[in-house]
Amino acid sequence: MTYLETVAQFYSEVAQTPEVGLCCVQSTPLQLPGLKIPLRMQEMNYACGTTVHTNELANQPTVLYVGVGGGLEALQFAYFSRRPGAVIAIEPVEAMREAAARNLEIAAQENPWFDTSFVKIYSGDAFNLPVTDASVDVLAQNCLFNIFEPADLTRALKEAYRVLKPGGRLQMSDPITTRCIPKHLRQDERLRALCLSGALTYQEYTELIINAGFGRIEIRARRPYRLLDKQTYNLEENILLESLDSVSFKVDIPEDGACIFTGKTAIYAGTQLFFADAAGHILQLGIPAAVCDKTAAKLAALKPKEIIVTHSTWYYDGGGCC
């Protein structure tokens, strides 16, 4: 079997017999007024973070969700887009499609505002999305793309870019690795299906997103996820996996490179009331301004004694100079 067939078989099994805590989620699902998440749906929350960022969900966007799982995030997206067909869920595993449909039926009984018509579930995969070009506002996936080999991940990212409208948002949550994962783990298809051996480094992950055409990436969270210890996984050193939540925008890549926001700020500490560079960035004296990593480096090099650049917080939700 190919590794994708192994993944499909594994998730067919956990769709029929839920494995609580499979992805080691350390936080409860996003709580929203009037939203009740069925217990079975919570038990099937096979995810490493969240893709539901409320700042991106105004005006009832059309959402394409790849890898529906137990339907939890599809339900959360429907909370913001309460109309038939607002959430299009794509799932290659038949047992998972059936489980998600059952869970959404229960959700409709427990949530008076929700109608199952809000979420449409289709058979399909990340490489051939059954929607037209530039037709969706948001594409989301949680703990799926990390399973792909780099070449397949590139295919999935380019397909996501194709179906998003200009300015559309790719909302993802995936494990990343702080050190390259050795070959013997990468070739273990079962570990890959468990989201433990397919992770890329942060640099590799963001480069592939940019190479697919996305001109802006915002990091919403970066947190410890799992430890691959030396004894269990036959390693020379422990490897820490982290969970990365990101939003990537379908906008043109600037001539000087894509903008990646990781929570850095620039603070002008000179003798004037403000500082303006030649690229449209204005810093008020003593006031931190959010900047992308690229601009942070340029400003620090431009005025090293007058501009303070703070470290990445690995959280960004808008604002600033860029």
Protein backbone atom coordinates (compact mmCIF):
# COMPACT_ATOMS: atom_id res chain seq x y z
CA MET A 1 0.00 0.00 0.00
CA THR A 2 1.11 3.58 -0.53
CA TYR A 3 1.40 5.80 2.53
CA LEU A 4 -1.87 7.51 1.65
CA GLU A 5 -3.64 4.16 1.62
CA THR A 6 -2.20 3.44 5.06
CA VAL A 7 -3.50 6.79 6.27
CA ALA A 8 -6.95 6.09 4.82
CA GLN A 9 -7.10 2.68 6.47
CA PHE A 10 -6.06 4.09 9.83
CA TYR A 11 -8.67 6.86 9.79
CA SER A 12 -11.33 4.44 8.66
CA GLU A 13 -10.59 2.51 11.86
CA VAL A 14 -10.74 5.53 14.19
CA ALA A 15 -13.89 6.78 12.46
CA GLN A 16 -15.67 3.61 13.52
CA THR A 17 -14.04 3.34 16.95
CA PRO A 18 -13.05 6.81 18.18
CA GLU A 19 -9.61 7.06 19.77
CA VAL A 20 -9.87 9.87 22.33
CA GLY A 21 -6.79 12.07 22.54
CA LEU A 22 -5.32 10.63 19.34
CA CYS A 23 -3.56 13.85 18.43
CA CYS A 24 -2.85 14.87 22.02
CA VAL A 25 -5.04 17.99 21.96
CA GLN A 26 -4.32 19.94 25.14
CA SER A 27 -7.10 22.50 24.90
CA THR A 28 -10.89 22.30 24.74
CA PRO A 29 -12.60 23.16 21.45
CA LEU A 30 -13.36 26.82 20.79
CA GLN A 31 -16.33 27.81 22.97
CA LEU A 32 -18.96 30.01 21.31
CA PRO A 33 -22.29 31.32 22.69
CA GLY A 34 -25.12 28.97 21.84
CA LEU A 35 -22.85 26.29 20.37
CA LYS A 36 -23.04 22.81 21.83
CA ILE A 37 -20.57 20.25 20.50
CA PRO A 38 -21.81 16.64 20.71
CA LEU A 39 -19.69 14.33 22.84
CA ARG A 40 -18.99 11.93 19.97
CA MET A 41 -17.74 14.84 17.88
CA GLN A 42 -15.39 15.90 20.68
CA GLU A 43 -14.07 12.35 20.96
CA MET A 44 -13.21 12.47 17.24
CA ASN A 45 -11.35 15.78 17.46
CA TYR A 46 -8.27 14.45 15.66
CA ALA A 47 -6.46 17.76 15.45
CA CYS A 48 -3.36 19.51 16.74
CA GLY A 49 -4.77 23.04 17.12
CA THR A 50 -7.54 25.08 15.55
CA THR A 51 -8.26 26.63 12.16
CA VAL A 52 -11.34 28.55 13.32
CA HIS A 53 -10.12 32.13 13.75
CA THR A 54 -13.01 34.48 14.33
CA ASN A 55 -11.23 37.48 12.77
CA GLU A 56 -11.40 35.77 9.38
CA LEU A 57 -15.07 34.76 9.47
CA ALA A 58 -17.08 37.96 9.02
CA ASN A 59 -19.76 38.26 6.31
CA GLN A 60 -20.64 34.54 6.22
CA PRO A 61 -17.74 33.29 4.09
CA THR A 62 -17.90 30.19 1.94
CA VAL A 63 -15.58 27.68 3.61
CA LEU A 64 -13.98 24.64 2.01
CA TYR A 65 -12.85 22.22 4.71
CA VAL A 66 -10.45 19.47 3.63
CA GLY A 67 -10.46 16.33 5.77
CA VAL A 68 -13.73 16.71 7.67
CA GLY A 69 -12.86 14.26 10.47
CA GLY A 70 -15.67 14.04 12.99
CA GLY A 71 -17.16 17.32 11.77
CA LEU A 72 -16.23 19.50 14.75
CA GLU A 73 -14.61 22.38 12.89
CA ALA A 74 -17.14 22.15 10.06
CA LEU A 75 -19.81 22.78 12.71
CA GLN A 76 -17.82 25.69 14.14
CA PHE A 77 -17.43 27.25 10.69
CA ALA A 78 -21.18 26.82 10.11
CA TYR A 79 -21.74 28.84 13.29
CA PHE A 80 -20.42 31.87 11.37
CA SER A 81 -22.01 31.00 8.00
CA ARG A 82 -25.59 29.97 8.66
CA ARG A 83 -26.83 29.21 5.17
CA PRO A 84 -27.19 26.08 3.00
CA GLY A 85 -23.92 24.93 1.48
CA ALA A 86 -21.81 27.54 3.26
CA VAL A 87 -19.37 24.86 4.43
CA ILE A 88 -18.11 22.40 1.81
CA ALA A 89 -16.41 19.44 3.46
CA ILE A 90 -14.13 17.16 1.46
CA GLU A 91 -13.22 13.76 2.89
CA PRO A 92 -11.61 10.76 1.08
CA VAL A 93 -12.44 8.17 3.77
CA GLU A 94 -15.98 6.80 3.47
CA ALA A 95 -16.24 5.76 7.13
CA MET A 96 -15.22 9.25 8.21
CA ARG A 97 -17.79 10.87 5.92
CA GLU A 98 -20.48 8.66 7.42
CA ALA A 99 -19.34 9.39 10.99
CA ALA A 100 -19.25 13.15 10.37
CA ALA A 101 -22.75 13.08 8.87
CA ARG A 102 -24.07 11.22 11.94
CA ASN A 103 -22.35 13.68 14.27
CA LEU A 104 -23.81 16.65 12.43
CA GLU A 105 -27.30 15.13 12.71
CA ILE A 106 -26.80 15.01 16.49
CA ALA A 107 -25.51 18.59 16.42
CA ALA A 108 -28.69 19.69 14.67
CA GLN A 109 -30.74 18.15 17.48
CA GLU A 110 -28.66 19.88 20.16
CA ASN A 111 -28.29 23.30 18.46
CA PRO A 112 -31.54 25.02 17.40
CA TRP A 113 -29.66 27.42 15.07
CA PHE A 114 -27.92 24.64 13.09
CA ASP A 115 -29.31 22.88 10.05
CA THR A 116 -27.41 20.01 8.42
CA SER A 117 -27.84 21.73 5.04
CA PHE A 118 -25.24 24.27 6.20
CA VAL A 119 -22.51 21.60 5.76
CA LYS A 120 -22.25 19.59 2.55
CA ILE A 121 -19.93 16.57 2.69
CA TYR A 122 -18.37 15.27 -0.53
CA SER A 123 -15.98 12.49 -1.45
CA GLY A 124 -12.66 13.87 -2.62
CA ASP A 125 -9.11 14.67 -1.66
CA ALA A 126 -6.76 17.63 -1.28
CA PHE A 127 -5.18 17.13 -4.71
CA ASN A 128 -8.35 17.40 -6.82
CA LEU A 129 -10.85 19.64 -5.04
CA PRO A 130 -14.30 19.42 -6.65
CA VAL A 131 -14.88 23.17 -6.83
CA THR A 132 -14.21 25.81 -9.49
CA ASP A 133 -11.33 28.25 -9.59
CA ALA A 134 -11.47 31.26 -7.24
CA SER A 135 -14.77 30.17 -5.69
CA VAL A 136 -14.22 29.99 -1.91
CA ASP A 137 -13.31 32.58 0.73
CA VAL A 138 -11.63 30.24 3.20
CA LEU A 139 -9.93 26.86 2.81
CA ALA A 140 -9.15 25.08 6.06
CA GLN A 141 -7.39 21.88 7.06
CA ASN A 142 -6.35 20.62 10.47
CA CYS A 143 -3.57 18.09 10.99
CA LEU A 144 -3.83 16.67 7.47
CA PHE A 145 -1.26 18.36 5.27
CA ASN A 146 1.60 17.36 7.60
CA ILE A 147 0.95 13.75 6.58
CA PHE A 148 1.87 14.48 2.95
CA GLU A 149 5.28 13.96 1.42
CA PRO A 150 6.75 17.35 0.31
CA ALA A 151 5.83 16.83 -3.35
CA ASP A 152 2.24 15.96 -2.39
CA LEU A 153 2.09 18.89 0.02
CA THR A 154 3.11 21.17 -2.83
CA ARG A 155 0.26 19.75 -4.94
CA ALA A 156 -2.24 20.32 -2.11
CA LEU A 157 -1.08 23.90 -1.51
CA LYS A 158 -1.29 24.78 -5.21
CA GLU A 159 -4.78 23.26 -5.38
CA ALA A 160 -5.79 25.36 -2.36
CA TYR A 161 -4.44 28.46 -4.10
CA ARG A 162 -6.46 27.61 -7.22
CA VAL A 163 -9.84 27.45 -5.51
CA LEU A 164 -9.43 30.49 -3.25
CA LYS A 165 -10.76 33.86 -4.31
CA PRO A 166 -8.25 36.72 -4.60
CA GLY A 167 -7.54 37.76 -1.02
CA GLY A 168 -8.86 34.40 0.20
CA ARG A 169 -7.42 32.70 3.26
CA LEU A 170 -5.79 29.33 3.79
CA GLN A 171 -6.29 28.46 7.46
CA MET A 172 -4.17 25.56 8.66
CA SER A 173 -3.01 23.79 11.77
CA ASP A 174 -0.20 21.26 11.45
CA PRO A 175 2.62 19.77 13.49
CA ILE A 176 6.09 21.06 12.61
CA THR A 177 9.41 19.75 13.85
CA THR A 178 12.26 21.56 15.57
CA ARG A 179 14.78 19.13 14.04
CA CYS A 180 14.71 17.15 10.82
CA ILE A 181 13.02 13.80 11.34
CA PRO A 182 15.32 10.90 10.41
CA LYS A 183 14.63 8.63 7.46
CA HIS A 184 13.62 5.56 9.46
CA LEU A 185 10.72 7.49 11.03
CA ARG A 186 9.71 9.23 7.81
CA GLN A 187 9.38 5.86 6.11
CA ASP A 188 7.14 4.49 8.88
CA GLU A 189 3.69 4.84 7.30
CA ARG A 190 1.83 4.16 10.56
CA LEU A 191 3.71 6.94 12.36
CA ARG A 192 3.03 9.26 9.43
CA ALA A 193 -0.69 8.50 9.71
CA LEU A 194 -0.45 9.34 13.43
CA CYS A 195 0.98 12.79 12.53
CA LEU A 196 4.30 11.91 14.16
CA SER A 197 6.79 11.49 11.35
CA GLY A 198 5.78 13.61 8.35
CA ALA A 199 6.33 17.04 9.91
CA LEU A 200 8.62 19.59 8.25
CA THR A 201 10.63 22.31 9.93
CA TYR A 202 9.06 25.76 10.24
CA GLN A 203 11.34 27.08 7.50
CA GLU A 204 10.48 24.24 5.09
CA TYR A 205 6.76 24.51 5.84
CA THR A 206 6.51 28.27 5.26
CA GLU A 207 8.69 28.12 2.14
CA LEU A 208 6.33 25.62 0.52
CA ILE A 209 3.35 27.89 1.29
CA ILE A 210 5.11 30.85 -0.31
CA ASN A 211 6.24 28.76 -3.29
CA ALA A 212 2.57 27.92 -3.93
CA GLY A 213 1.94 31.66 -4.43
CA PHE A 214 0.75 32.96 -1.04
CA GLY A 215 2.19 36.42 -0.39
CA ARG A 216 1.35 36.80 3.29
CA ILE A 217 1.41 34.40 6.23
CA GLU A 218 0.20 35.17 9.75
CA ILE A 219 1.14 32.87 12.62
CA ARG A 220 -1.75 32.57 15.07
CA ALA A 221 -0.21 30.07 17.50
CA ARG A 222 2.90 27.96 17.96
CA ARG A 223 2.97 25.58 20.90
CA PRO A 224 4.60 22.31 22.02
CA TYR A 225 2.71 19.32 20.62
CA ARG A 226 4.49 15.98 21.15
CA LEU A 227 7.93 14.69 22.05
CA LEU A 228 9.61 11.93 20.08
CA ASP A 229 11.87 10.52 22.78
CA LYS A 230 15.19 8.79 22.16
CA GLN A 231 14.24 5.45 23.68
CA THR A 232 10.89 4.89 21.98
CA TYR A 233 11.85 6.16 18.53
CA ASN A 234 15.51 5.09 18.32
CA LEU A 235 16.93 8.61 18.11
CA GLU A 236 20.25 10.17 18.98
CA GLU A 237 18.41 13.13 20.53
CA ASN A 238 14.82 13.86 21.48
CA ILE A 239 12.76 15.67 18.83
CA LEU A 240 10.09 18.18 19.83
CA LEU A 241 7.08 18.55 17.56
CA GLU A 242 5.17 21.82 17.71
CA SER A 243 1.65 22.72 16.62
CA LEU A 244 1.52 25.67 14.20
CA ASP A 245 -1.71 27.55 13.48
CA SER A 246 -1.42 29.85 10.46
CA VAL A 247 -3.48 31.94 8.06
CA SER A 248 -2.03 32.44 4.57
CA PHE A 249 -3.48 34.98 2.17
CA LYS A 250 -3.89 34.70 -1.58
CA VAL A 251 -2.26 38.03 -2.36
CA ASP A 252 0.63 38.86 -4.66
CA ILE A 253 4.11 38.22 -3.32
CA PRO A 254 5.92 41.58 -2.97
CA GLU A 255 9.07 42.12 -5.01
CA ASP A 256 11.21 41.86 -1.87
CA GLY A 257 9.56 38.62 -0.73
CA ALA A 258 6.50 37.39 1.13
CA CYS A 259 5.46 38.89 4.46
CA ILE A 260 5.43 36.53 7.44
CA PHE A 261 4.02 37.87 10.71
CA THR A 262 5.19 36.10 13.87
CA GLY A 263 4.32 38.75 16.45
CA LYS A 264 7.39 40.96 16.18
CA THR A 265 7.13 44.68 16.83
CA ALA A 266 9.41 47.60 16.00
CA ILE A 267 9.80 50.50 18.47
CA TYR A 268 11.36 53.82 17.56
CA ALA A 269 13.57 55.19 20.36
CA GLY A 270 15.22 58.13 18.60
CA THR A 271 15.03 61.90 19.08
CA GLN A 272 12.13 62.74 16.72
CA LEU A 273 8.38 62.32 17.22
CA PHE A 274 8.28 59.66 14.54
CA PHE A 275 10.44 57.78 12.07
CA ALA A 276 9.52 57.07 8.45
CA ASP A 277 11.52 54.79 6.19
CA ALA A 278 11.42 54.93 2.40
CA ALA A 279 8.98 52.01 2.15
CA GLY A 280 5.84 53.43 3.79
CA HIS A 281 6.47 52.36 7.39
CA ILE A 282 5.94 55.03 10.06
CA LEU A 283 6.93 54.46 13.69
CA GLN A 284 5.77 56.77 16.46
CA LEU A 285 8.23 57.51 19.22
CA GLY A 286 7.97 54.83 21.92
CA ILE A 287 4.93 53.07 20.42
CA PRO A 288 5.36 49.39 19.42
CA ALA A 289 4.14 48.68 15.88
CA ALA A 290 3.55 45.16 14.59
CA VAL A 291 5.75 44.37 11.61
CA CYS A 292 6.45 41.32 9.50
CA ASP A 293 9.75 39.52 10.00
CA LYS A 294 11.14 40.90 6.73
CA THR A 295 10.40 44.52 7.70
CA ALA A 296 11.67 43.93 11.24
CA ALA A 297 15.06 42.89 9.88
CA LYS A 298 15.24 45.85 7.50
CA LEU A 299 14.34 48.39 10.19
CA ALA A 300 16.82 46.92 12.67
CA ALA A 301 19.60 47.14 10.06
CA LEU A 302 18.59 50.67 9.06
CA LYS A 303 18.67 52.23 12.52
CA PRO A 304 20.27 49.71 14.90
CA LYS A 305 20.71 52.25 17.71
CA GLU A 306 17.28 53.86 17.39
CA ILE A 307 14.90 51.03 16.48
CA ILE A 308 14.24 48.16 18.88
CA VAL A 309 12.84 44.97 17.38
CA THR A 310 11.13 42.61 19.81
CA HIS A 311 11.21 38.83 19.55
CA SER A 312 8.54 36.72 17.88
CA THR A 313 5.59 35.99 20.15
CA TRP A 314 4.34 33.40 17.63
CA TYR A 315 0.96 35.04 17.74
CA TYR A 316 -0.37 37.79 15.42
CA ASP A 317 -3.90 39.04 14.82
CA GLY A 318 -3.50 42.19 12.74
CA GLY A 319 -2.52 45.80 13.12
CA GLY A 320 0.85 47.50 12.80
CA CYS A 321 2.70 49.07 9.90
CA CYS A 322 2.72 46.41 7.19
